[in-house]
Amino acid sequence: MDSKITLDAIANPRNHQHLVEQIREGVRSLEKDNWSIHFTRVKAHNDNLGNELADQLAKNAASIRDRETAYSRIPKSAVMKVIQEKGELQWQQEWNVSTKGETTKSFFPNKVNANPKDCKWV
């Protein structure tokens, strides 16, 4: 395998991403059938027959447009980012219409300007 990130993800017991768990389950299944599985990092594009074959299979699979998406889960970080952005937008809208905190608003008119180095000091 030529992906250090993937090897690290598989080796990390705290990583429970769906694809990583699927790989681990596949390994466990093969090991139950007395297979011996070892992951080793190889240099990419270095005439390693197994790695070149894996690259070609991946390219072929990626080029097929009429197949069902193999992975359609959205990463938790992407969901959290959207939630954060929507929360900040809602906060800003409420801040804009509020009649409270007028003095504070003169220093912090926008949530994005809440960093003291970005404030308007009078």
PDB file of N, CA and C in Angstrom:
ATOM      1  N   MET A   1       0.853  -1.162   0.000  1.00  0.00           N
ATOM      2  CA  MET A   1       0.000   0.000   0.000  1.00  0.00           C
ATOM      3  C   MET A   1       0.900   1.226   0.000  1.00  0.00           C
ATOM      4  N   ASP A   2       0.553   2.240  -0.813  1.00  0.00           N
ATOM      5  CA  ASP A   2       1.412   3.418  -0.887  1.00  0.00           C
ATOM      6  C   ASP A   2       0.802   4.634  -0.187  1.00  0.00           C
ATOM      7  N   SER A   3      -0.216   4.428   0.617  1.00  0.00           N
ATOM      8  CA  SER A   3      -0.852   5.538   1.321  1.00  0.00           C
ATOM      9  C   SER A   3      -0.540   5.467   2.813  1.00  0.00           C
ATOM     10  N   LYS A   4       0.374   6.320   3.261  1.00  0.00           N
ATOM     11  CA  LYS A   4       0.739   6.357   4.679  1.00  0.00           C
ATOM     12  C   LYS A   4      -0.464   6.756   5.531  1.00  0.00           C
ATOM     13  N   ILE A   5      -1.270   7.669   5.015  1.00  0.00           N
ATOM     14  CA  ILE A   5      -2.458   8.114   5.761  1.00  0.00           C
ATOM     15  C   ILE A   5      -3.402   6.948   6.015  1.00  0.00           C
ATOM     16  N   THR A   6      -3.607   6.116   5.002  1.00  0.00           N
ATOM     17  CA  THR A   6      -4.493   4.970   5.156  1.00  0.00           C
ATOM     18  C   THR A   6      -3.916   3.963   6.147  1.00  0.00           C
ATOM     19  N   LEU A   7      -2.629   3.684   6.035  1.00  0.00           N
ATOM     20  CA  LEU A   7      -1.985   2.757   6.977  1.00  0.00           C
ATOM     21  C   LEU A   7      -2.095   3.269   8.411  1.00  0.00           C
ATOM     22  N   ASP A   8      -1.849   4.559   8.598  1.00  0.00           N
ATOM     23  CA  ASP A   8      -1.955   5.145   9.937  1.00  0.00           C
ATOM     24  C   ASP A   8      -3.387   5.063  10.464  1.00  0.00           C
ATOM     25  N   ALA A   9      -4.365   5.293   9.589  1.00  0.00           N
ATOM     26  CA  ALA A   9      -5.770   5.228  10.000  1.00  0.00           C
ATOM     27  C   ALA A   9      -6.146   3.822  10.438  1.00  0.00           C
ATOM     28  N   ILE A  10      -5.700   2.823   9.676  1.00  0.00           N
ATOM     29  CA  ILE A  10      -6.010   1.430  10.027  1.00  0.00           C
ATOM     30  C   ILE A  10      -5.349   1.039  11.344  1.00  0.00           C
ATOM     31  N   ALA A  11      -4.129   1.528  11.561  1.00  0.00           N
ATOM     32  CA  ALA A  11      -3.382   1.169  12.775  1.00  0.00           C
ATOM     33  C   ALA A  11      -3.883   1.902  14.019  1.00  0.00           C
ATOM     34  N   ASN A  12      -4.598   2.999  13.845  1.00  0.00           N
ATOM     35  CA  ASN A  12      -5.055   3.804  14.965  1.00  0.00           C
ATOM     36  C   ASN A  12      -6.334   3.215  15.561  1.00  0.00           C
ATOM     37  N   PRO A  13      -6.273   2.650  16.774  1.00  0.00           N
ATOM     38  CA  PRO A  13      -7.465   2.019  17.358  1.00  0.00           C
ATOM     39  C   PRO A  13      -8.575   3.016  17.697  1.00  0.00           C
ATOM     40  N   ARG A  14      -8.266   4.306  17.719  1.00  0.00           N
ATOM     41  CA  ARG A  14      -9.289   5.313  18.004  1.00  0.00           C
ATOM     42  C   ARG A  14      -9.986   5.793  16.741  1.00  0.00           C
ATOM     43  N   ASN A  15      -9.519   5.366  15.579  1.00  0.00           N
ATOM     44  CA  ASN A  15     -10.130   5.773  14.319  1.00  0.00           C
ATOM     45  C   ASN A  15     -11.260   4.798  13.986  1.00  0.00           C
ATOM     46  N   HIS A  16     -12.474   5.313  13.963  1.00  0.00           N
ATOM     47  CA  HIS A  16     -13.640   4.460  13.694  1.00  0.00           C
ATOM     48  C   HIS A  16     -14.402   4.922  12.447  1.00  0.00           C
ATOM     49  N   GLN A  17     -13.683   5.534  11.497  1.00  0.00           N
ATOM     50  CA  GLN A  17     -14.334   5.921  10.254  1.00  0.00           C
ATOM     51  C   GLN A  17     -14.879   4.678   9.576  1.00  0.00           C
ATOM     52  N   HIS A  18     -15.969   4.870   8.864  1.00  0.00           N
ATOM     53  CA  HIS A  18     -16.679   3.747   8.265  1.00  0.00           C
ATOM     54  C   HIS A  18     -15.777   2.883   7.371  1.00  0.00           C
ATOM     55  N   LEU A  19     -15.042   3.508   6.469  1.00  0.00           N
ATOM     56  CA  LEU A  19     -14.189   2.741   5.561  1.00  0.00           C
ATOM     57  C   LEU A  19     -13.073   2.012   6.300  1.00  0.00           C
ATOM     58  N   VAL A  20     -12.515   2.653   7.317  1.00  0.00           N
ATOM     59  CA  VAL A  20     -11.466   2.020   8.116  1.00  0.00           C
ATOM     60  C   VAL A  20     -12.035   0.787   8.815  1.00  0.00           C
ATOM     61  N   GLU A  21     -13.220   0.907   9.371  1.00  0.00           N
ATOM     62  CA  GLU A  21     -13.861  -0.233  10.039  1.00  0.00           C
ATOM     63  C   GLU A  21     -14.156  -1.353   9.042  1.00  0.00           C
ATOM     64  N   GLN A  22     -14.553  -0.993   7.807  1.00  0.00           N
ATOM     65  CA  GLN A  22     -14.795  -2.018   6.792  1.00  0.00           C
ATOM     66  C   GLN A  22     -13.499  -2.768   6.461  1.00  0.00           C
ATOM     67  N   ILE A  23     -12.408  -2.052   6.365  1.00  0.00           N
ATOM     68  CA  ILE A  23     -11.118  -2.704   6.096  1.00  0.00           C
ATOM     69  C   ILE A  23     -10.769  -3.649   7.239  1.00  0.00           C
ATOM     70  N   ARG A  24     -10.912  -3.177   8.459  1.00  0.00           N
ATOM     71  CA  ARG A  24     -10.597  -4.023   9.623  1.00  0.00           C
ATOM     72  C   ARG A  24     -11.469  -5.274   9.652  1.00  0.00           C
ATOM     73  N   GLU A  25     -12.762  -5.110   9.344  1.00  0.00           N
ATOM     74  CA  GLU A  25     -13.666  -6.264   9.328  1.00  0.00           C
ATOM     75  C   GLU A  25     -13.248  -7.251   8.253  1.00  0.00           C
ATOM     76  N   GLY A  26     -12.846  -6.746   7.084  1.00  0.00           N
ATOM     77  CA  GLY A  26     -12.355  -7.631   6.025  1.00  0.00           C
ATOM     78  C   GLY A  26     -11.118  -8.396   6.455  1.00  0.00           C
ATOM     79  N   VAL A  27     -10.216  -7.722   7.141  1.00  0.00           N
ATOM     80  CA  VAL A  27      -8.997  -8.382   7.640  1.00  0.00           C
ATOM     81  C   VAL A  27      -9.364  -9.453   8.661  1.00  0.00           C
ATOM     82  N   ARG A  28     -10.251  -9.112   9.600  1.00  0.00           N
ATOM     83  CA  ARG A  28     -10.666 -10.106  10.612  1.00  0.00           C
ATOM     84  C   ARG A  28     -11.301 -11.326   9.954  1.00  0.00           C
ATOM     85  N   SER A  29     -12.123 -11.093   8.953  1.00  0.00           N
ATOM     86  CA  SER A  29     -12.784 -12.195   8.246  1.00  0.00           C
ATOM     87  C   SER A  29     -11.759 -13.108   7.570  1.00  0.00           C
ATOM     88  N   LEU A  30     -10.791 -12.497   6.913  1.00  0.00           N
ATOM     89  CA  LEU A  30      -9.743 -13.307   6.257  1.00  0.00           C
ATOM     90  C   LEU A  30      -8.889 -14.049   7.281  1.00  0.00           C
ATOM     91  N   GLU A  31      -8.592 -13.396   8.396  1.00  0.00           N
ATOM     92  CA  GLU A  31      -7.781 -14.046   9.428  1.00  0.00           C
ATOM     93  C   GLU A  31      -8.512 -15.235  10.042  1.00  0.00           C
ATOM     94  N   LYS A  32      -9.847 -15.172  10.123  1.00  0.00           N
ATOM     95  CA  LYS A  32     -10.627 -16.311  10.615  1.00  0.00           C
ATOM     96  C   LYS A  32     -10.478 -17.518   9.689  1.00  0.00           C
ATOM     97  N   ASP A  33     -10.234 -17.233   8.408  1.00  0.00           N
ATOM     98  CA  ASP A  33     -10.018 -18.302   7.425  1.00  0.00           C
ATOM     99  C   ASP A  33      -8.529 -18.634   7.273  1.00  0.00           C
ATOM    100  N   ASN A  34      -7.754 -18.307   8.312  1.00  0.00           N
ATOM    101  CA  ASN A  34      -6.313 -18.614   8.384  1.00  0.00           C
ATOM    102  C   ASN A  34      -5.455 -17.849   7.376  1.00  0.00           C
ATOM    103  N   TRP A  35      -5.910 -16.712   6.942  1.00  0.00           N
ATOM    104  CA  TRP A  35      -5.072 -15.842   6.123  1.00  0.00           C
ATOM    105  C   TRP A  35      -4.177 -15.059   7.070  1.00  0.00           C
ATOM    106  N   SER A  36      -3.016 -14.718   6.614  1.00  0.00           N
ATOM    107  CA  SER A  36      -2.111 -13.867   7.377  1.00  0.00           C
ATOM    108  C   SER A  36      -1.998 -12.539   6.625  1.00  0.00           C
ATOM    109  N   ILE A  37      -2.503 -11.473   7.234  1.00  0.00           N
ATOM    110  CA  ILE A  37      -2.562 -10.168   6.582  1.00  0.00           C
ATOM    111  C   ILE A  37      -1.534  -9.235   7.213  1.00  0.00           C
ATOM    112  N   HIS A  38      -0.701  -8.636   6.379  1.00  0.00           N
ATOM    113  CA  HIS A  38       0.287  -7.651   6.836  1.00  0.00           C
ATOM    114  C   HIS A  38       0.240  -6.474   5.878  1.00  0.00           C
ATOM    115  N   PHE A  39       0.098  -5.275   6.426  1.00  0.00           N
ATOM    116  CA  PHE A  39       0.125  -4.073   5.606  1.00  0.00           C
ATOM    117  C   PHE A  39       1.530  -3.496   5.655  1.00  0.00           C
ATOM    118  N   THR A  40       2.062  -3.175   4.497  1.00  0.00           N
ATOM    119  CA  THR A  40       3.392  -2.593   4.389  1.00  0.00           C
ATOM    120  C   THR A  40       3.337  -1.436   3.422  1.00  0.00           C
ATOM    121  N   ARG A  41       4.012  -0.374   3.766  1.00  0.00           N
ATOM    122  CA  ARG A  41       4.059   0.778   2.859  1.00  0.00           C
ATOM    123  C   ARG A  41       5.128   0.540   1.801  1.00  0.00           C
ATOM    124  N   VAL A  42       4.748   0.776   0.567  1.00  0.00           N
ATOM    125  CA  VAL A  42       5.699   0.655  -0.547  1.00  0.00           C
ATOM    126  C   VAL A  42       5.771   2.001  -1.252  1.00  0.00           C
ATOM    127  N   LYS A  43       6.893   2.251  -1.881  1.00  0.00           N
ATOM    128  CA  LYS A  43       7.061   3.493  -2.619  1.00  0.00           C
ATOM    129  C   LYS A  43       6.138   3.465  -3.838  1.00  0.00           C
ATOM    130  N   ALA A  44       5.390   4.542  -4.018  1.00  0.00           N
ATOM    131  CA  ALA A  44       4.446   4.627  -5.135  1.00  0.00           C
ATOM    132  C   ALA A  44       5.179   4.717  -6.457  1.00  0.00           C
ATOM    133  N   HIS A  45       4.587   4.133  -7.481  1.00  0.00           N
ATOM    134  CA  HIS A  45       5.101   4.211  -8.858  1.00  0.00           C
ATOM    135  C   HIS A  45       6.570   3.788  -8.941  1.00  0.00           C
ATOM    136  N   ASN A  46       6.856   2.653  -8.316  1.00  0.00           N
ATOM    137  CA  ASN A  46       8.226   2.155  -8.279  1.00  0.00           C
ATOM    138  C   ASN A  46       8.298   0.738  -8.829  1.00  0.00           C
ATOM    139  N   ASP A  47       7.451   0.439  -9.810  1.00  0.00           N
ATOM    140  CA  ASP A  47       7.408  -0.866 -10.458  1.00  0.00           C
ATOM    141  C   ASP A  47       7.133  -2.024  -9.506  1.00  0.00           C
ATOM    142  N   ASN A  48       6.375  -1.752  -8.454  1.00  0.00           N
ATOM    143  CA  ASN A  48       5.925  -2.821  -7.568  1.00  0.00           C
ATOM    144  C   ASN A  48       4.652  -3.382  -8.192  1.00  0.00           C
ATOM    145  N   LEU A  49       4.689  -4.623  -8.668  1.00  0.00           N
ATOM    146  CA  LEU A  49       3.597  -5.203  -9.439  1.00  0.00           C
ATOM    147  C   LEU A  49       2.255  -5.121  -8.708  1.00  0.00           C
ATOM    148  N   GLY A  50       2.233  -5.483  -7.438  1.00  0.00           N
ATOM    149  CA  GLY A  50       0.980  -5.442  -6.678  1.00  0.00           C
ATOM    150  C   GLY A  50       0.437  -4.036  -6.546  1.00  0.00           C
ATOM    151  N   ASN A  51       1.320  -3.082  -6.285  1.00  0.00           N
ATOM    152  CA  ASN A  51       0.884  -1.694  -6.136  1.00  0.00           C
ATOM    153  C   ASN A  51       0.416  -1.119  -7.465  1.00  0.00           C
ATOM    154  N   GLU A  52       1.111  -1.446  -8.545  1.00  0.00           N
ATOM    155  CA  GLU A  52       0.699  -0.958  -9.865  1.00  0.00           C
ATOM    156  C   GLU A  52      -0.668  -1.532 -10.250  1.00  0.00           C
ATOM    157  N   LEU A  53      -0.893  -2.809  -9.921  1.00  0.00           N
ATOM    158  CA  LEU A  53      -2.189  -3.431 -10.194  1.00  0.00           C
ATOM    159  C   LEU A  53      -3.290  -2.760  -9.376  1.00  0.00           C
ATOM    160  N   ALA A  54      -3.008  -2.499  -8.104  1.00  0.00           N
ATOM    161  CA  ALA A  54      -3.990  -1.829  -7.246  1.00  0.00           C
ATOM    162  C   ALA A  54      -4.307  -0.437  -7.788  1.00  0.00           C
ATOM    163  N   ASP A  55      -3.283   0.294  -8.236  1.00  0.00           N
ATOM    164  CA  ASP A  55      -3.510   1.622  -8.818  1.00  0.00           C
ATOM    165  C   ASP A  55      -4.391   1.526 -10.062  1.00  0.00           C
ATOM    166  N   GLN A  56      -4.123   0.559 -10.907  1.00  0.00           N
ATOM    167  CA  GLN A  56      -4.899   0.407 -12.145  1.00  0.00           C
ATOM    168  C   GLN A  56      -6.350   0.042 -11.832  1.00  0.00           C
ATOM    169  N   LEU A  57      -6.558  -0.855 -10.869  1.00  0.00           N
ATOM    170  CA  LEU A  57      -7.924  -1.222 -10.483  1.00  0.00           C
ATOM    171  C   LEU A  57      -8.671  -0.022  -9.911  1.00  0.00           C
ATOM    172  N   ALA A  58      -7.978   0.795  -9.118  1.00  0.00           N
ATOM    173  CA  ALA A  58      -8.607   1.982  -8.543  1.00  0.00           C
ATOM    174  C   ALA A  58      -8.990   2.974  -9.644  1.00  0.00           C
ATOM    175  N   LYS A  59      -8.109   3.162 -10.615  1.00  0.00           N
ATOM    176  CA  LYS A  59      -8.403   4.069 -11.728  1.00  0.00           C
ATOM    177  C   LYS A  59      -9.592   3.564 -12.542  1.00  0.00           C
ATOM    178  N   ASN A  60      -9.624   2.261 -12.792  1.00  0.00           N
ATOM    179  CA  ASN A  60     -10.734   1.682 -13.546  1.00  0.00           C
ATOM    180  C   ASN A  60     -12.057   1.869 -12.807  1.00  0.00           C
ATOM    181  N   ALA A  61     -12.037   1.605 -11.509  1.00  0.00           N
ATOM    182  CA  ALA A  61     -13.260   1.741 -10.715  1.00  0.00           C
ATOM    183  C   ALA A  61     -13.728   3.195 -10.678  1.00  0.00           C
ATOM    184  N   ALA A  62     -12.783   4.127 -10.590  1.00  0.00           N
ATOM    185  CA  ALA A  62     -13.141   5.548 -10.530  1.00  0.00           C
ATOM    186  C   ALA A  62     -13.697   6.054 -11.847  1.00  0.00           C
ATOM    187  N   SER A  63     -13.333   5.414 -12.944  1.00  0.00           N
ATOM    188  CA  SER A  63     -13.773   5.900 -14.248  1.00  0.00           C
ATOM    189  C   SER A  63     -15.147   5.380 -14.654  1.00  0.00           C
ATOM    190  N   ILE A  64     -15.679   4.418 -13.930  1.00  0.00           N
ATOM    191  CA  ILE A  64     -17.000   3.864 -14.256  1.00  0.00           C
ATOM    192  C   ILE A  64     -18.063   4.795 -13.691  1.00  0.00           C
ATOM    193  N   ARG A  65     -18.851   5.390 -14.568  1.00  0.00           N
ATOM    194  CA  ARG A  65     -19.842   6.391 -14.145  1.00  0.00           C
ATOM    195  C   ARG A  65     -21.208   5.787 -13.850  1.00  0.00           C
ATOM    196  N   ASP A  66     -21.512   4.611 -14.378  1.00  0.00           N
ATOM    197  CA  ASP A  66     -22.861   4.064 -14.207  1.00  0.00           C
ATOM    198  C   ASP A  66     -22.985   3.173 -12.977  1.00  0.00           C
ATOM    199  N   ARG A  67     -21.954   3.098 -12.163  1.00  0.00           N
ATOM    200  CA  ARG A  67     -22.014   2.280 -10.950  1.00  0.00           C
ATOM    201  C   ARG A  67     -22.511   3.099  -9.772  1.00  0.00           C
ATOM    202  N   GLU A  68     -23.050   2.402  -8.809  1.00  0.00           N
ATOM    203  CA  GLU A  68     -23.509   3.045  -7.585  1.00  0.00           C
ATOM    204  C   GLU A  68     -22.300   3.557  -6.804  1.00  0.00           C
ATOM    205  N   THR A  69     -22.463   4.693  -6.143  1.00  0.00           N
ATOM    206  CA  THR A  69     -21.379   5.246  -5.343  1.00  0.00           C
ATOM    207  C   THR A  69     -21.021   4.273  -4.237  1.00  0.00           C
ATOM    208  N   ALA A  70     -19.737   3.976  -4.136  1.00  0.00           N
ATOM    209  CA  ALA A  70     -19.282   3.020  -3.130  1.00  0.00           C
ATOM    210  C   ALA A  70     -19.224   3.644  -1.743  1.00  0.00           C
ATOM    211  N   TYR A  71     -19.020   4.930  -1.689  1.00  0.00           N
ATOM    212  CA  TYR A  71     -18.912   5.599  -0.392  1.00  0.00           C
ATOM    213  C   TYR A  71     -19.663   6.922  -0.463  1.00  0.00           C
ATOM    214  N   SER A  72     -20.732   7.021   0.272  1.00  0.00           N
ATOM    215  CA  SER A  72     -21.540   8.233   0.206  1.00  0.00           C
ATOM    216  C   SER A  72     -21.734   8.881   1.573  1.00  0.00           C
ATOM    217  N   ARG A  73     -20.986   8.453   2.552  1.00  0.00           N
ATOM    218  CA  ARG A  73     -21.116   9.055   3.870  1.00  0.00           C
ATOM    219  C   ARG A  73     -20.412  10.400   3.912  1.00  0.00           C
ATOM    220  N   ILE A  74     -20.966  11.316   4.674  1.00  0.00           N
ATOM    221  CA  ILE A  74     -20.373  12.636   4.820  1.00  0.00           C
ATOM    222  C   ILE A  74     -19.523  12.615   6.094  1.00  0.00           C
ATOM    223  N   PRO A  75     -18.284  13.098   6.015  1.00  0.00           N
ATOM    224  CA  PRO A  75     -17.444  13.107   7.216  1.00  0.00           C
ATOM    225  C   PRO A  75     -18.065  13.957   8.331  1.00  0.00           C
ATOM    226  N   LYS A  76     -17.875  13.533   9.552  1.00  0.00           N
ATOM    227  CA  LYS A  76     -18.407  14.246  10.712  1.00  0.00           C
ATOM    228  C   LYS A  76     -17.898  15.685  10.728  1.00  0.00           C
ATOM    229  N   SER A  77     -16.639  15.898  10.327  1.00  0.00           N
ATOM    230  CA  SER A  77     -16.074  17.245  10.339  1.00  0.00           C
ATOM    231  C   SER A  77     -16.836  18.166   9.394  1.00  0.00           C
ATOM    232  N   ALA A  78     -17.292  17.647   8.255  1.00  0.00           N
ATOM    233  CA  ALA A  78     -18.052  18.464   7.305  1.00  0.00           C
ATOM    234  C   ALA A  78     -19.409  18.837   7.885  1.00  0.00           C
ATOM    235  N   VAL A  79     -20.047  17.902   8.561  1.00  0.00           N
ATOM    236  CA  VAL A  79     -21.339  18.166   9.195  1.00  0.00           C
ATOM    237  C   VAL A  79     -21.169  19.212  10.297  1.00  0.00           C
ATOM    238  N   MET A  80     -20.115  19.051  11.102  1.00  0.00           N
ATOM    239  CA  MET A  80     -19.871  19.983  12.196  1.00  0.00           C
ATOM    240  C   MET A  80     -19.600  21.399  11.664  1.00  0.00           C
ATOM    241  N   LYS A  81     -18.900  21.500  10.542  1.00  0.00           N
ATOM    242  CA  LYS A  81     -18.612  22.804   9.947  1.00  0.00           C
ATOM    243  C   LYS A  81     -19.903  23.499   9.508  1.00  0.00           C
ATOM    244  N   VAL A  82     -20.803  22.755   8.885  1.00  0.00           N
ATOM    245  CA  VAL A  82     -22.085  23.328   8.445  1.00  0.00           C
ATOM    246  C   VAL A  82     -22.901  23.781   9.658  1.00  0.00           C
ATOM    247  N   ILE A  83     -22.936  22.956  10.692  1.00  0.00           N
ATOM    248  CA  ILE A  83     -23.675  23.318  11.909  1.00  0.00           C
ATOM    249  C   ILE A  83     -23.088  24.581  12.520  1.00  0.00           C
ATOM    250  N   GLN A  84     -21.753  24.664  12.584  1.00  0.00           N
ATOM    251  CA  GLN A  84     -21.079  25.841  13.137  1.00  0.00           C
ATOM    252  C   GLN A  84     -21.425  27.092  12.335  1.00  0.00           C
ATOM    253  N   GLU A  85     -21.349  26.982  11.007  1.00  0.00           N
ATOM    254  CA  GLU A  85     -21.643  28.136  10.146  1.00  0.00           C
ATOM    255  C   GLU A  85     -23.093  28.593  10.291  1.00  0.00           C
ATOM    256  N   LYS A  86     -24.022  27.641  10.340  1.00  0.00           N
ATOM    257  CA  LYS A  86     -25.434  28.003  10.494  1.00  0.00           C
ATOM    258  C   LYS A  86     -25.684  28.637  11.862  1.00  0.00           C
ATOM    259  N   GLY A  87     -25.023  28.103  12.891  1.00  0.00           N
ATOM    260  CA  GLY A  87     -25.163  28.670  14.231  1.00  0.00           C
ATOM    261  C   GLY A  87     -24.629  30.088  14.298  1.00  0.00           C
ATOM    262  N   GLU A  88     -23.475  30.325  13.663  1.00  0.00           N
ATOM    263  CA  GLU A  88     -22.908  31.669  13.648  1.00  0.00           C
ATOM    264  C   GLU A  88     -23.798  32.636  12.871  1.00  0.00           C
ATOM    265  N   LEU A  89     -24.362  32.174  11.766  1.00  0.00           N
ATOM    266  CA  LEU A  89     -25.268  33.024  10.982  1.00  0.00           C
ATOM    267  C   LEU A  89     -26.505  33.383  11.798  1.00  0.00           C
ATOM    268  N   GLN A  90     -27.082  32.394  12.475  1.00  0.00           N
ATOM    269  CA  GLN A  90     -28.261  32.662  13.306  1.00  0.00           C
ATOM    270  C   GLN A  90     -27.908  33.628  14.430  1.00  0.00           C
ATOM    271  N   TRP A  91     -26.752  33.422  15.060  1.00  0.00           N
ATOM    272  CA  TRP A  91     -26.328  34.312  16.143  1.00  0.00           C
ATOM    273  C   TRP A  91     -26.191  35.738  15.620  1.00  0.00           C
ATOM    274  N   GLN A  92     -25.550  35.889  14.450  1.00  0.00           N
ATOM    275  CA  GLN A  92     -25.343  37.225  13.877  1.00  0.00           C
ATOM    276  C   GLN A  92     -26.672  37.897  13.558  1.00  0.00           C
ATOM    277  N   GLN A  93     -27.640  37.137  13.020  1.00  0.00           N
ATOM    278  CA  GLN A  93     -28.950  37.703  12.692  1.00  0.00           C
ATOM    279  C   GLN A  93     -29.657  38.197  13.956  1.00  0.00           C
ATOM    280  N   GLU A  94     -29.581  37.400  15.023  1.00  0.00           N
ATOM    281  CA  GLU A  94     -30.203  37.807  16.282  1.00  0.00           C
ATOM    282  C   GLU A  94     -29.487  39.007  16.884  1.00  0.00           C
ATOM    283  N   TRP A  95     -28.162  39.039  16.773  1.00  0.00           N
ATOM    284  CA  TRP A  95     -27.354  40.151  17.268  1.00  0.00           C
ATOM    285  C   TRP A  95     -27.719  41.440  16.520  1.00  0.00           C
ATOM    286  N   ASN A  96     -27.936  41.332  15.209  1.00  0.00           N
ATOM    287  CA  ASN A  96     -28.247  42.504  14.394  1.00  0.00           C
ATOM    288  C   ASN A  96     -29.583  43.138  14.770  1.00  0.00           C
ATOM    289  N   VAL A  97     -30.578  42.345  15.124  1.00  0.00           N
ATOM    290  CA  VAL A  97     -31.906  42.892  15.418  1.00  0.00           C
ATOM    291  C   VAL A  97     -32.109  43.213  16.904  1.00  0.00           C
ATOM    292  N   SER A  98     -31.191  42.785  17.730  1.00  0.00           N
ATOM    293  CA  SER A  98     -31.324  43.026  19.166  1.00  0.00           C
ATOM    294  C   SER A  98     -31.102  44.506  19.486  1.00  0.00           C
ATOM    295  N   THR A  99     -31.873  44.991  20.457  1.00  0.00           N
ATOM    296  CA  THR A  99     -31.693  46.373  20.915  1.00  0.00           C
ATOM    297  C   THR A  99     -30.797  46.414  22.151  1.00  0.00           C
ATOM    298  N   LYS A 100     -30.398  45.276  22.620  1.00  0.00           N
ATOM    299  CA  LYS A 100     -29.529  45.207  23.796  1.00  0.00           C
ATOM    300  C   LYS A 100     -28.071  45.237  23.367  1.00  0.00           C
ATOM    301  N   GLY A 101     -27.216  45.668  24.229  1.00  0.00           N
ATOM    302  CA  GLY A 101     -25.781  45.628  23.990  1.00  0.00           C
ATOM    303  C   GLY A 101     -25.297  46.629  22.959  1.00  0.00           C
ATOM    304  N   GLU A 102     -25.918  47.799  22.869  1.00  0.00           N
ATOM    305  CA  GLU A 102     -25.539  48.784  21.855  1.00  0.00           C
ATOM    306  C   GLU A 102     -24.081  49.224  22.012  1.00  0.00           C
ATOM    307  N   THR A 103     -23.621  49.389  23.252  1.00  0.00           N
ATOM    308  CA  THR A 103     -22.227  49.781  23.468  1.00  0.00           C
ATOM    309  C   THR A 103     -21.290  48.681  22.983  1.00  0.00           C
ATOM    310  N   THR A 104     -21.633  47.464  23.319  1.00  0.00           N
ATOM    311  CA  THR A 104     -20.817  46.327  22.869  1.00  0.00           C
ATOM    312  C   THR A 104     -20.830  46.239  21.356  1.00  0.00           C
ATOM    313  N   LYS A 105     -21.977  46.499  20.746  1.00  0.00           N
ATOM    314  CA  LYS A 105     -22.083  46.440  19.282  1.00  0.00           C
ATOM    315  C   LYS A 105     -21.173  47.456  18.608  1.00  0.00           C
ATOM    316  N   SER A 106     -20.934  48.585  19.285  1.00  0.00           N
ATOM    317  CA  SER A 106     -20.055  49.585  18.677  1.00  0.00           C
ATOM    318  C   SER A 106     -18.625  49.057  18.565  1.00  0.00           C
ATOM    319  N   PHE A 107     -18.259  48.129  19.441  1.00  0.00           N
ATOM    320  CA  PHE A 107     -16.932  47.511  19.373  1.00  0.00           C
ATOM    321  C   PHE A 107     -16.935  46.235  18.542  1.00  0.00           C
ATOM    322  N   PHE A 108     -18.028  45.493  18.627  1.00  0.00           N
ATOM    323  CA  PHE A 108     -18.137  44.201  17.948  1.00  0.00           C
ATOM    324  C   PHE A 108     -19.393  44.175  17.074  1.00  0.00           C
ATOM    325  N   PRO A 109     -19.394  44.845  15.937  1.00  0.00           N
ATOM    326  CA  PRO A 109     -20.607  44.859  15.115  1.00  0.00           C
ATOM    327  C   PRO A 109     -20.919  43.507  14.488  1.00  0.00           C
ATOM    328  N   ASN A 110     -19.923  42.696  14.276  1.00  0.00           N
ATOM    329  CA  ASN A 110     -20.119  41.370  13.681  1.00  0.00           C
ATOM    330  C   ASN A 110     -19.435  40.326  14.529  1.00  0.00           C
ATOM    331  N   LYS A 111     -19.990  39.154  14.530  1.00  0.00           N
ATOM    332  CA  LYS A 111     -19.375  38.040  15.255  1.00  0.00           C
ATOM    333  C   LYS A 111     -17.971  37.779  14.750  1.00  0.00           C
ATOM    334  N   VAL A 112     -17.783  37.889  13.423  1.00  0.00           N
ATOM    335  CA  VAL A 112     -16.462  37.611  12.849  1.00  0.00           C
ATOM    336  C   VAL A 112     -15.430  38.618  13.313  1.00  0.00           C
ATOM    337  N   ASN A 113     -15.860  39.797  13.784  1.00  0.00           N
ATOM    338  CA  ASN A 113     -14.933  40.805  14.273  1.00  0.00           C
ATOM    339  C   ASN A 113     -14.764  40.739  15.787  1.00  0.00           C
ATOM    340  N   ALA A 114     -15.155  39.628  16.398  1.00  0.00           N
ATOM    341  CA  ALA A 114     -15.082  39.521  17.845  1.00  0.00           C
ATOM    342  C   ALA A 114     -13.661  39.333  18.352  1.00  0.00           C
ATOM    343  N   ASN A 115     -12.706  39.152  17.471  1.00  0.00           N
ATOM    344  CA  ASN A 115     -11.310  39.049  17.870  1.00  0.00           C
ATOM    345  C   ASN A 115     -10.836  40.447  18.276  1.00  0.00           C
ATOM    346  N   PRO A 116     -10.284  40.626  19.470  1.00  0.00           N
ATOM    347  CA  PRO A 116      -9.879  41.965  19.946  1.00  0.00           C
ATOM    348  C   PRO A 116      -8.946  42.702  18.972  1.00  0.00           C
ATOM    349  N   LYS A 117      -8.105  42.001  18.270  1.00  0.00           N
ATOM    350  CA  LYS A 117      -7.192  42.701  17.350  1.00  0.00           C
ATOM    351  C   LYS A 117      -7.921  43.291  16.156  1.00  0.00           C
ATOM    352  N   ASP A 118      -9.170  42.844  15.896  1.00  0.00           N
ATOM    353  CA  ASP A 118      -9.950  43.355  14.787  1.00  0.00           C
ATOM    354  C   ASP A 118     -10.985  44.399  15.213  1.00  0.00           C
ATOM    355  N   CYS A 119     -10.982  44.786  16.471  1.00  0.00           N
ATOM    356  CA  CYS A 119     -12.006  45.695  16.994  1.00  0.00           C
ATOM    357  C   CYS A 119     -11.737  47.140  16.604  1.00  0.00           C
ATOM    358  N   LYS A 120     -12.855  47.906  16.578  1.00  0.00           N
ATOM    359  CA  LYS A 120     -12.749  49.350  16.378  1.00  0.00           C
ATOM    360  C   LYS A 120     -12.601  49.972  17.769  1.00  0.00           C
ATOM    361  N   TRP A 121     -11.439  50.443  18.107  1.00  0.00           N
ATOM    362  CA  TRP A 121     -11.228  51.055  19.423  1.00  0.00           C
ATOM    363  C   TRP A 121     -11.397  52.562  19.309  1.00  0.00           C
ATOM    364  N   VAL A 122     -12.160  53.107  20.239  1.00  0.00           N
ATOM    365  CA  VAL A 122     -12.418  54.564  20.231  1.00  0.00           C
ATOM    366  C   VAL A 122     -11.606  55.257  21.283  1.00  0.00           C
TER     367      VAL A 122
END
